[in-house]
Amino acid sequence: MESAGVLKAKLCLVGEAAVGKTSLVRRLVEDVFDDRYISTLGSKVSLKRVRIPLTADPSKALEVQLSIWDLIGERTYLNTLHHEYLRGAQGLIAVCDVTRYSTFELLNEWIDAAFRIAGPIPVGIVVNKADLRDQVICMYDDRETQERAVRYGGFATWASAKTGENVNDVFTRLARAIAHRVLLETV
């Protein structure tokens, strides 16, 4: 496959503790899932290359090298540590947990804080743990998640780090949105 160039981009994952941010990144980068919870201390950075077709010819694609920052899920750090981690971000994945409505309610705080620091960057809202959707009474639905995403100019999707459902799609969609924005800014 012929490369149409390389774009390096910083992407941050935010959301409350234990929503599965680290598990989503591990599923994407290593294609593994571990259900043991280990809290992220500060941030963890992972790298992933994503190819984005630019034309109808699938052999020509832009390579987006994502530097994925998995941030600690503590809002108390929004004005200190997170400020440094979010600086220069070009994309945002805001993660909530299908089993805990409060994590969805608090996404506004996370996204608003990121926008204050990095500006209005492309955002994807991910409802993680979709594999548990039929086992819990979910207090929100697709319509509500889509409405929130539209409010921020982004998209929303349900995913499962455990099964891999929609994980690659989330990061590819965001890489495409970042590439589109960068290419428009350079024209």
N, C-alpha and C. Protein backbone atom coordinates (compact mmCIF):
# COMPACT_ATOMS: atom_id res chain seq x y z
N MET A 1 0.85 -1.19 0.00
CA MET A 1 0.00 0.00 0.00
C MET A 1 0.89 1.25 0.00
N GLU A 2 0.64 2.15 -0.91
CA GLU A 2 1.42 3.36 -1.06
C GLU A 2 0.98 4.40 -0.02
N SER A 3 1.97 5.04 0.61
CA SER A 3 1.65 6.04 1.62
C SER A 3 1.56 7.42 0.98
N ALA A 4 0.53 8.16 1.37
CA ALA A 4 0.36 9.52 0.87
C ALA A 4 0.99 10.51 1.84
N GLY A 5 1.73 10.01 2.81
CA GLY A 5 2.38 10.85 3.80
C GLY A 5 2.14 10.33 5.20
N VAL A 6 2.77 11.02 6.14
CA VAL A 6 2.66 10.62 7.54
C VAL A 6 2.24 11.83 8.36
N LEU A 7 1.29 11.63 9.25
CA LEU A 7 0.83 12.66 10.16
C LEU A 7 0.98 12.14 11.58
N LYS A 8 1.67 12.89 12.42
CA LYS A 8 1.79 12.52 13.83
C LYS A 8 0.74 13.30 14.60
N ALA A 9 0.00 12.60 15.47
CA ALA A 9 -1.10 13.24 16.19
C ALA A 9 -1.15 12.75 17.63
N LYS A 10 -1.47 13.69 18.52
CA LYS A 10 -1.64 13.38 19.94
C LYS A 10 -3.13 13.23 20.23
N LEU A 11 -3.48 12.09 20.81
CA LEU A 11 -4.86 11.74 21.13
C LEU A 11 -4.93 11.42 22.62
N CYS A 12 -5.88 12.03 23.33
CA CYS A 12 -6.01 11.79 24.77
C CYS A 12 -7.31 11.06 25.07
N LEU A 13 -7.25 10.13 26.02
CA LEU A 13 -8.43 9.44 26.54
C LEU A 13 -8.72 9.99 27.92
N VAL A 14 -9.97 10.40 28.14
CA VAL A 14 -10.39 10.93 29.43
C VAL A 14 -11.66 10.23 29.89
N GLY A 15 -11.93 10.34 31.17
CA GLY A 15 -13.13 9.76 31.75
C GLY A 15 -12.83 9.32 33.17
N GLU A 16 -13.88 8.98 33.89
CA GLU A 16 -13.75 8.58 35.28
C GLU A 16 -12.89 7.31 35.42
N ALA A 17 -12.42 7.07 36.63
CA ALA A 17 -11.64 5.87 36.93
C ALA A 17 -12.48 4.62 36.65
N ALA A 18 -11.83 3.60 36.16
CA ALA A 18 -12.41 2.26 35.95
C ALA A 18 -13.47 2.18 34.86
N VAL A 19 -13.47 3.15 33.92
CA VAL A 19 -14.41 3.05 32.79
C VAL A 19 -13.85 2.18 31.67
N GLY A 20 -12.54 1.89 31.72
CA GLY A 20 -11.93 1.02 30.72
C GLY A 20 -11.05 1.73 29.71
N LYS A 21 -10.55 2.91 30.04
CA LYS A 21 -9.68 3.64 29.10
C LYS A 21 -8.44 2.82 28.76
N THR A 22 -7.76 2.32 29.79
CA THR A 22 -6.55 1.53 29.58
C THR A 22 -6.87 0.26 28.81
N SER A 23 -7.98 -0.37 29.12
CA SER A 23 -8.37 -1.61 28.42
C SER A 23 -8.65 -1.35 26.94
N LEU A 24 -9.25 -0.22 26.62
CA LEU A 24 -9.48 0.13 25.21
C LEU A 24 -8.16 0.29 24.47
N VAL A 25 -7.20 0.98 25.10
CA VAL A 25 -5.90 1.18 24.47
C VAL A 25 -5.17 -0.15 24.31
N ARG A 26 -5.19 -0.98 25.34
CA ARG A 26 -4.52 -2.29 25.25
C ARG A 26 -5.15 -3.16 24.17
N ARG A 27 -6.48 -3.11 24.04
CA ARG A 27 -7.15 -3.89 22.99
C ARG A 27 -6.70 -3.39 21.62
N LEU A 28 -6.60 -2.08 21.45
CA LEU A 28 -6.18 -1.51 20.18
C LEU A 28 -4.73 -1.85 19.85
N VAL A 29 -3.84 -1.59 20.80
CA VAL A 29 -2.40 -1.68 20.54
C VAL A 29 -1.88 -3.12 20.60
N GLU A 30 -2.34 -3.89 21.61
CA GLU A 30 -1.81 -5.24 21.82
C GLU A 30 -2.81 -6.34 21.49
N ASP A 31 -4.06 -5.97 21.23
CA ASP A 31 -5.15 -6.92 20.99
C ASP A 31 -5.30 -7.92 22.14
N VAL A 32 -5.24 -7.39 23.37
CA VAL A 32 -5.44 -8.22 24.56
C VAL A 32 -6.43 -7.53 25.49
N PHE A 33 -7.01 -8.33 26.39
CA PHE A 33 -7.89 -7.80 27.43
C PHE A 33 -7.54 -8.47 28.74
N ASP A 34 -7.46 -7.67 29.79
CA ASP A 34 -7.18 -8.17 31.14
C ASP A 34 -8.20 -7.52 32.06
N ASP A 35 -9.02 -8.33 32.73
CA ASP A 35 -10.08 -7.74 33.55
C ASP A 35 -9.62 -7.33 34.94
N ARG A 36 -8.33 -7.48 35.24
CA ARG A 36 -7.82 -6.97 36.52
C ARG A 36 -7.67 -5.46 36.42
N TYR A 37 -8.16 -4.76 37.44
CA TYR A 37 -8.11 -3.30 37.41
C TYR A 37 -6.84 -2.80 38.08
N ILE A 38 -6.09 -2.02 37.34
CA ILE A 38 -4.91 -1.35 37.89
C ILE A 38 -5.04 0.11 37.50
N SER A 39 -5.12 0.97 38.49
CA SER A 39 -5.32 2.40 38.24
C SER A 39 -4.12 3.00 37.52
N THR A 40 -4.40 3.84 36.53
CA THR A 40 -3.34 4.56 35.83
C THR A 40 -2.83 5.67 36.75
N LEU A 41 -1.53 5.77 36.88
CA LEU A 41 -0.92 6.83 37.68
C LEU A 41 -0.41 7.90 36.73
N GLY A 42 -1.00 9.07 36.76
CA GLY A 42 -0.61 10.14 35.85
C GLY A 42 -1.13 9.89 34.46
N SER A 43 -0.25 9.40 33.59
CA SER A 43 -0.67 9.06 32.23
C SER A 43 0.22 7.95 31.71
N LYS A 44 -0.27 7.27 30.69
CA LYS A 44 0.51 6.26 30.00
C LYS A 44 0.37 6.56 28.51
N VAL A 45 1.48 6.54 27.81
CA VAL A 45 1.46 6.85 26.39
C VAL A 45 1.74 5.59 25.57
N SER A 46 0.89 5.34 24.59
CA SER A 46 1.05 4.22 23.67
C SER A 46 1.05 4.76 22.25
N LEU A 47 1.63 4.00 21.34
CA LEU A 47 1.70 4.42 19.94
C LEU A 47 0.95 3.43 19.06
N LYS A 48 0.26 3.96 18.06
CA LYS A 48 -0.47 3.12 17.11
C LYS A 48 -0.52 3.82 15.76
N ARG A 49 -0.22 3.07 14.71
CA ARG A 49 -0.31 3.61 13.35
C ARG A 49 -1.66 3.22 12.76
N VAL A 50 -2.32 4.20 12.15
CA VAL A 50 -3.62 3.98 11.51
C VAL A 50 -3.53 4.51 10.08
N ARG A 51 -3.99 3.73 9.12
CA ARG A 51 -3.97 4.16 7.73
C ARG A 51 -5.35 4.68 7.34
N ILE A 52 -5.37 5.88 6.77
CA ILE A 52 -6.61 6.54 6.38
C ILE A 52 -6.61 6.72 4.86
N PRO A 53 -7.52 6.05 4.14
CA PRO A 53 -7.61 6.24 2.69
C PRO A 53 -8.01 7.69 2.38
N LEU A 54 -7.33 8.29 1.42
CA LEU A 54 -7.62 9.68 1.05
C LEU A 54 -8.43 9.79 -0.23
N THR A 55 -8.44 8.72 -1.01
CA THR A 55 -9.15 8.73 -2.28
C THR A 55 -9.93 7.43 -2.42
N ALA A 56 -10.59 7.28 -3.54
CA ALA A 56 -11.31 6.04 -3.82
C ALA A 56 -10.32 4.89 -4.04
N ASP A 57 -9.07 5.24 -4.32
CA ASP A 57 -8.03 4.23 -4.51
C ASP A 57 -7.50 3.81 -3.14
N PRO A 58 -7.87 2.62 -2.65
CA PRO A 58 -7.47 2.20 -1.31
C PRO A 58 -5.96 1.98 -1.15
N SER A 59 -5.23 1.95 -2.26
CA SER A 59 -3.79 1.76 -2.15
C SER A 59 -3.08 3.04 -1.71
N LYS A 60 -3.76 4.16 -1.82
CA LYS A 60 -3.17 5.43 -1.39
C LYS A 60 -3.81 5.85 -0.07
N ALA A 61 -2.97 5.92 0.96
CA ALA A 61 -3.51 6.23 2.28
C ALA A 61 -2.53 7.10 3.05
N LEU A 62 -3.09 7.89 3.95
CA LEU A 62 -2.30 8.69 4.87
C LEU A 62 -2.04 7.85 6.11
N GLU A 63 -0.81 7.80 6.54
CA GLU A 63 -0.50 7.08 7.77
C GLU A 63 -0.57 8.08 8.93
N VAL A 64 -1.45 7.81 9.88
CA VAL A 64 -1.57 8.66 11.07
C VAL A 64 -0.91 7.90 12.21
N GLN A 65 0.16 8.50 12.75
CA GLN A 65 0.86 7.91 13.88
C GLN A 65 0.28 8.52 15.15
N LEU A 66 -0.57 7.75 15.82
CA LEU A 66 -1.23 8.24 17.02
C LEU A 66 -0.36 8.03 18.25
N SER A 67 -0.16 9.10 18.97
CA SER A 67 0.44 9.06 20.30
C SER A 67 -0.75 9.13 21.25
N ILE A 68 -1.09 8.00 21.87
CA ILE A 68 -2.32 7.88 22.65
C ILE A 68 -2.01 8.05 24.13
N TRP A 69 -2.56 9.12 24.70
CA TRP A 69 -2.34 9.43 26.12
C TRP A 69 -3.54 8.98 26.92
N ASP A 70 -3.32 8.01 27.78
CA ASP A 70 -4.34 7.46 28.67
C ASP A 70 -4.19 8.18 30.01
N LEU A 71 -5.15 9.07 30.33
CA LEU A 71 -5.01 9.92 31.52
C LEU A 71 -5.70 9.34 32.74
N ILE A 72 -5.12 9.60 33.89
CA ILE A 72 -5.68 9.17 35.17
C ILE A 72 -7.12 9.68 35.28
N GLY A 73 -8.01 8.83 35.77
CA GLY A 73 -9.43 9.17 35.83
C GLY A 73 -9.85 9.87 37.11
N GLU A 74 -9.13 10.91 37.47
CA GLU A 74 -9.45 11.68 38.68
C GLU A 74 -9.65 13.14 38.29
N ARG A 75 -10.89 13.63 38.44
CA ARG A 75 -11.18 15.02 38.07
C ARG A 75 -10.42 16.03 38.92
N THR A 76 -9.95 15.63 40.10
CA THR A 76 -9.20 16.56 40.96
C THR A 76 -7.93 17.06 40.28
N TYR A 77 -7.47 16.34 39.26
CA TYR A 77 -6.26 16.74 38.55
C TYR A 77 -6.54 17.57 37.29
N LEU A 78 -7.80 17.90 37.03
CA LEU A 78 -8.13 18.61 35.79
C LEU A 78 -7.39 19.93 35.64
N ASN A 79 -7.13 20.63 36.72
CA ASN A 79 -6.46 21.93 36.62
C ASN A 79 -4.96 21.85 36.85
N THR A 80 -4.43 20.66 37.09
CA THR A 80 -2.99 20.54 37.33
C THR A 80 -2.38 19.57 36.32
N LEU A 81 -2.30 18.30 36.69
CA LEU A 81 -1.69 17.30 35.81
C LEU A 81 -2.33 17.23 34.44
N HIS A 82 -3.65 17.16 34.41
CA HIS A 82 -4.34 17.02 33.12
C HIS A 82 -4.07 18.21 32.21
N HIS A 83 -3.88 19.37 32.79
CA HIS A 83 -3.59 20.56 31.98
C HIS A 83 -2.34 20.31 31.14
N GLU A 84 -1.33 19.76 31.77
CA GLU A 84 -0.08 19.47 31.05
C GLU A 84 -0.27 18.35 30.03
N TYR A 85 -1.00 17.32 30.41
CA TYR A 85 -1.18 16.17 29.52
C TYR A 85 -2.04 16.51 28.30
N LEU A 86 -3.04 17.36 28.50
CA LEU A 86 -3.97 17.70 27.41
C LEU A 86 -3.42 18.77 26.46
N ARG A 87 -2.41 19.50 26.90
CA ARG A 87 -1.83 20.54 26.05
C ARG A 87 -1.32 19.92 24.74
N GLY A 88 -1.73 20.48 23.63
CA GLY A 88 -1.30 20.00 22.33
C GLY A 88 -2.09 18.82 21.79
N ALA A 89 -3.11 18.39 22.51
CA ALA A 89 -3.94 17.27 22.02
C ALA A 89 -4.65 17.69 20.74
N GLN A 90 -4.73 16.76 19.80
CA GLN A 90 -5.41 17.01 18.53
C GLN A 90 -6.70 16.21 18.40
N GLY A 91 -6.93 15.34 19.37
CA GLY A 91 -8.15 14.54 19.38
C GLY A 91 -8.41 14.03 20.78
N LEU A 92 -9.68 13.71 21.05
CA LEU A 92 -10.10 13.31 22.39
C LEU A 92 -11.08 12.15 22.30
N ILE A 93 -10.85 11.14 23.12
CA ILE A 93 -11.83 10.08 23.31
C ILE A 93 -12.29 10.18 24.75
N ALA A 94 -13.58 10.45 24.93
CA ALA A 94 -14.18 10.57 26.26
C ALA A 94 -14.93 9.27 26.53
N VAL A 95 -14.51 8.55 27.56
CA VAL A 95 -15.02 7.21 27.82
C VAL A 95 -15.92 7.18 29.05
N CYS A 96 -17.05 6.50 28.92
CA CYS A 96 -17.92 6.24 30.07
C CYS A 96 -18.21 4.74 30.12
N ASP A 97 -18.86 4.32 31.18
CA ASP A 97 -19.09 2.90 31.46
C ASP A 97 -20.59 2.63 31.42
N VAL A 98 -21.02 1.70 30.59
CA VAL A 98 -22.44 1.39 30.44
C VAL A 98 -23.09 1.00 31.77
N THR A 99 -22.31 0.51 32.73
CA THR A 99 -22.87 0.06 34.00
C THR A 99 -22.98 1.16 35.05
N ARG A 100 -22.41 2.34 34.75
CA ARG A 100 -22.44 3.44 35.74
C ARG A 100 -22.85 4.74 35.05
N TYR A 101 -24.10 5.13 35.25
CA TYR A 101 -24.64 6.34 34.62
C TYR A 101 -23.85 7.58 35.00
N SER A 102 -23.36 7.63 36.23
CA SER A 102 -22.61 8.81 36.69
C SER A 102 -21.41 9.09 35.79
N THR A 103 -20.81 8.05 35.22
CA THR A 103 -19.65 8.28 34.35
C THR A 103 -20.05 8.97 33.06
N PHE A 104 -21.28 8.72 32.60
CA PHE A 104 -21.81 9.41 31.42
C PHE A 104 -22.14 10.86 31.77
N GLU A 105 -22.77 11.07 32.92
CA GLU A 105 -23.13 12.43 33.35
C GLU A 105 -21.90 13.32 33.46
N LEU A 106 -20.78 12.76 33.91
CA LEU A 106 -19.57 13.55 34.15
C LEU A 106 -18.73 13.80 32.90
N LEU A 107 -19.12 13.22 31.77
CA LEU A 107 -18.33 13.43 30.54
C LEU A 107 -18.24 14.90 30.16
N ASN A 108 -19.29 15.67 30.41
CA ASN A 108 -19.24 17.10 30.07
C ASN A 108 -18.06 17.78 30.75
N GLU A 109 -17.83 17.47 32.02
CA GLU A 109 -16.70 18.09 32.74
C GLU A 109 -15.38 17.75 32.06
N TRP A 110 -15.22 16.48 31.69
CA TRP A 110 -13.98 16.06 31.04
C TRP A 110 -13.80 16.73 29.68
N ILE A 111 -14.84 16.74 28.88
CA ILE A 111 -14.74 17.32 27.53
C ILE A 111 -14.55 18.83 27.62
N ASP A 112 -15.31 19.50 28.47
CA ASP A 112 -15.17 20.95 28.62
C ASP A 112 -13.75 21.32 29.06
N ALA A 113 -13.20 20.57 30.00
CA ALA A 113 -11.83 20.84 30.47
C ALA A 113 -10.83 20.65 29.33
N ALA A 114 -11.00 19.59 28.56
CA ALA A 114 -10.09 19.35 27.43
C ALA A 114 -10.20 20.47 26.40
N PHE A 115 -11.41 20.93 26.12
CA PHE A 115 -11.60 22.01 25.15
C PHE A 115 -10.99 23.32 25.65
N ARG A 116 -11.07 23.58 26.96
CA ARG A 116 -10.45 24.80 27.51
C ARG A 116 -8.93 24.78 27.30
N ILE A 117 -8.35 23.61 27.37
CA ILE A 117 -6.89 23.48 27.27
C ILE A 117 -6.44 23.33 25.82
N ALA A 118 -7.07 22.46 25.07
CA ALA A 118 -6.62 22.13 23.71
C ALA A 118 -7.43 22.79 22.61
N GLY A 119 -8.52 23.46 22.98
CA GLY A 119 -9.40 24.03 21.97
C GLY A 119 -10.43 23.00 21.52
N PRO A 120 -11.30 23.40 20.58
CA PRO A 120 -12.36 22.48 20.12
C PRO A 120 -11.80 21.44 19.14
N ILE A 121 -11.27 20.37 19.69
CA ILE A 121 -10.64 19.31 18.90
C ILE A 121 -11.66 18.21 18.59
N PRO A 122 -11.38 17.37 17.59
CA PRO A 122 -12.28 16.26 17.31
C PRO A 122 -12.46 15.36 18.54
N VAL A 123 -13.70 14.95 18.78
CA VAL A 123 -13.99 14.14 19.97
C VAL A 123 -14.90 12.97 19.62
N GLY A 124 -14.61 11.85 20.25
CA GLY A 124 -15.47 10.68 20.16
C GLY A 124 -15.88 10.28 21.56
N ILE A 125 -17.17 10.08 21.76
CA ILE A 125 -17.67 9.60 23.04
C ILE A 125 -17.85 8.09 22.91
N VAL A 126 -17.24 7.36 23.83
CA VAL A 126 -17.28 5.90 23.80
C VAL A 126 -17.97 5.38 25.05
N VAL A 127 -19.06 4.66 24.85
CA VAL A 127 -19.72 3.96 25.95
C VAL A 127 -19.09 2.57 25.97
N ASN A 128 -18.19 2.36 26.92
CA ASN A 128 -17.45 1.10 27.00
C ASN A 128 -18.24 0.04 27.78
N LYS A 129 -17.79 -1.18 27.65
CA LYS A 129 -18.40 -2.35 28.29
C LYS A 129 -19.75 -2.69 27.66
N ALA A 130 -19.84 -2.48 26.36
CA ALA A 130 -21.08 -2.78 25.63
C ALA A 130 -21.45 -4.26 25.74
N ASP A 131 -20.48 -5.10 26.03
CA ASP A 131 -20.77 -6.53 26.21
C ASP A 131 -21.67 -6.78 27.42
N LEU A 132 -21.78 -5.79 28.32
CA LEU A 132 -22.63 -5.92 29.52
C LEU A 132 -23.99 -5.25 29.34
N ARG A 133 -24.23 -4.69 28.19
CA ARG A 133 -25.44 -3.90 27.94
C ARG A 133 -26.73 -4.65 28.27
N ASP A 134 -26.80 -5.92 27.96
CA ASP A 134 -28.01 -6.71 28.22
C ASP A 134 -28.11 -7.20 29.66
N GLN A 135 -27.06 -7.00 30.44
CA GLN A 135 -27.04 -7.49 31.82
C GLN A 135 -27.32 -6.41 32.85
N VAL A 136 -27.46 -5.18 32.40
CA VAL A 136 -27.69 -4.06 33.33
C VAL A 136 -28.86 -3.23 32.84
N ILE A 137 -29.40 -2.44 33.73
CA ILE A 137 -30.42 -1.46 33.34
C ILE A 137 -29.66 -0.19 32.98
N CYS A 138 -29.56 0.07 31.71
CA CYS A 138 -28.80 1.24 31.24
C CYS A 138 -29.70 2.47 31.29
N MET A 139 -29.20 3.52 31.92
CA MET A 139 -29.99 4.73 32.12
C MET A 139 -29.91 5.70 30.94
N TYR A 140 -29.17 5.36 29.90
CA TYR A 140 -29.08 6.22 28.73
C TYR A 140 -29.04 5.34 27.49
N ASP A 141 -29.29 5.97 26.33
CA ASP A 141 -29.39 5.20 25.10
C ASP A 141 -28.59 5.85 23.98
N ASP A 142 -28.69 5.27 22.80
CA ASP A 142 -27.95 5.78 21.64
C ASP A 142 -28.30 7.24 21.35
N ARG A 143 -29.59 7.58 21.44
CA ARG A 143 -30.02 8.94 21.15
C ARG A 143 -29.32 9.94 22.07
N GLU A 144 -29.30 9.64 23.36
CA GLU A 144 -28.69 10.55 24.33
C GLU A 144 -27.18 10.69 24.11
N THR A 145 -26.51 9.58 23.80
CA THR A 145 -25.07 9.67 23.56
C THR A 145 -24.78 10.43 22.27
N GLN A 146 -25.59 10.20 21.23
CA GLN A 146 -25.40 10.93 19.97
C GLN A 146 -25.64 12.42 20.15
N GLU A 147 -26.68 12.78 20.90
CA GLU A 147 -26.97 14.20 21.14
C GLU A 147 -25.80 14.88 21.85
N ARG A 148 -25.24 14.20 22.82
CA ARG A 148 -24.10 14.79 23.53
C ARG A 148 -22.90 14.93 22.60
N ALA A 149 -22.66 13.93 21.78
CA ALA A 149 -21.53 14.00 20.84
C ALA A 149 -21.71 15.14 19.85
N VAL A 150 -22.92 15.30 19.33
CA VAL A 150 -23.20 16.37 18.37
C VAL A 150 -22.97 17.73 19.02
N ARG A 151 -23.32 17.86 20.28
CA ARG A 151 -23.11 19.12 21.01
C ARG A 151 -21.63 19.53 20.97
N TYR A 152 -20.74 18.54 20.94
CA TYR A 152 -19.31 18.81 20.91
C TYR A 152 -18.71 18.65 19.51
N GLY A 153 -19.55 18.47 18.51
CA GLY A 153 -19.06 18.34 17.14
C GLY A 153 -18.40 17.01 16.86
N GLY A 154 -18.75 15.98 17.61
CA GLY A 154 -18.10 14.69 17.45
C GLY A 154 -19.06 13.56 17.14
N PHE A 155 -18.65 12.37 17.51
CA PHE A 155 -19.46 11.17 17.28
C PHE A 155 -19.52 10.37 18.58
N ALA A 156 -20.46 9.46 18.64
CA ALA A 156 -20.58 8.57 19.80
C ALA A 156 -20.75 7.14 19.31
N THR A 157 -20.22 6.21 20.07
CA THR A 157 -20.36 4.80 19.74
C THR A 157 -20.28 3.96 21.00
N TRP A 158 -20.81 2.78 20.92
CA TRP A 158 -20.72 1.80 22.00
C TRP A 158 -19.61 0.84 21.63
N ALA A 159 -18.79 0.46 22.60
CA ALA A 159 -17.65 -0.41 22.33
C ALA A 159 -17.43 -1.36 23.50
N SER A 160 -16.61 -2.36 23.26
CA SER A 160 -16.24 -3.29 24.32
C SER A 160 -14.76 -3.62 24.20
N ALA A 161 -13.99 -3.20 25.19
CA ALA A 161 -12.58 -3.57 25.22
C ALA A 161 -12.45 -5.08 25.41
N LYS A 162 -13.40 -5.68 26.09
CA LYS A 162 -13.34 -7.13 26.35
C LYS A 162 -13.47 -7.94 25.06
N THR A 163 -14.47 -7.62 24.24
CA THR A 163 -14.70 -8.38 23.01
C THR A 163 -14.01 -7.78 21.79
N GLY A 164 -13.61 -6.52 21.90
CA GLY A 164 -13.00 -5.82 20.77
C GLY A 164 -14.01 -5.08 19.91
N GLU A 165 -15.30 -5.21 20.23
CA GLU A 165 -16.36 -4.57 19.45
C GLU A 165 -16.12 -3.06 19.31
N ASN A 166 -16.03 -2.60 18.08
CA ASN A 166 -15.90 -1.18 17.70
C ASN A 166 -14.63 -0.48 18.18
N VAL A 167 -13.69 -1.19 18.78
CA VAL A 167 -12.49 -0.53 19.30
C VAL A 167 -11.66 0.07 18.17
N ASN A 168 -11.31 -0.73 17.16
CA ASN A 168 -10.53 -0.20 16.04
C ASN A 168 -11.27 0.93 15.34
N ASP A 169 -12.57 0.78 15.19
CA ASP A 169 -13.39 1.78 14.51
C ASP A 169 -13.32 3.14 15.22
N VAL A 170 -13.36 3.13 16.54
CA VAL A 170 -13.31 4.39 17.30
C VAL A 170 -12.03 5.15 17.00
N PHE A 171 -10.91 4.47 17.09
CA PHE A 171 -9.63 5.13 16.88
C PHE A 171 -9.44 5.53 15.41
N THR A 172 -9.92 4.71 14.49
CA THR A 172 -9.83 5.04 13.07
C THR A 172 -10.68 6.26 12.74
N ARG A 173 -11.90 6.31 13.28
CA ARG A 173 -12.77 7.47 13.03
C ARG A 173 -12.14 8.75 13.57
N LEU A 174 -11.55 8.66 14.75
CA LEU A 174 -10.94 9.86 15.32
C LEU A 174 -9.68 10.24 14.55
N ALA A 175 -8.89 9.26 14.14
CA ALA A 175 -7.70 9.56 13.33
C ALA A 175 -8.12 10.24 12.03
N ARG A 176 -9.22 9.78 11.43
CA ARG A 176 -9.73 10.39 10.20
C ARG A 176 -10.15 11.84 10.46
N ALA A 177 -10.84 12.08 11.58
CA ALA A 177 -11.29 13.44 11.92
C ALA A 177 -10.09 14.36 12.16
N ILE A 178 -9.07 13.85 12.84
CA ILE A 178 -7.86 14.64 13.08
C ILE A 178 -7.18 14.96 11.75
N ALA A 179 -7.02 13.95 10.90
CA ALA A 179 -6.37 14.16 9.60
C ALA A 179 -7.15 15.17 8.76
N HIS A 180 -8.46 15.04 8.75
CA HIS A 180 -9.30 15.97 7.99
C HIS A 180 -9.09 17.40 8.48
N ARG A 181 -9.08 17.58 9.79
CA ARG A 181 -8.90 18.92 10.36
C ARG A 181 -7.51 19.48 10.03
N VAL A 182 -6.48 18.66 10.18
CA VAL A 182 -5.12 19.11 9.89
C VAL A 182 -4.98 19.46 8.42
N LEU A 183 -5.52 18.63 7.54
CA LEU A 183 -5.42 18.89 6.10
C LEU A 183 -6.17 20.17 5.73
N LEU A 184 -7.32 20.42 6.35
CA LEU A 184 -8.06 21.66 6.08
C LEU A 184 -7.30 22.89 6.55
N GLU A 185 -6.61 22.76 7.69
CA GLU A 185 -5.86 23.89 8.24
C GLU A 185 -4.64 24.23 7.39
N THR A 186 -4.12 23.25 6.64
CA THR A 186 -2.92 23.50 5.84
C THR A 186 -3.24 23.98 4.43
N VAL A 187 -4.52 23.99 4.07
CA VAL A 187 -4.91 24.42 2.72
C VAL A 187 -5.02 25.93 2.67
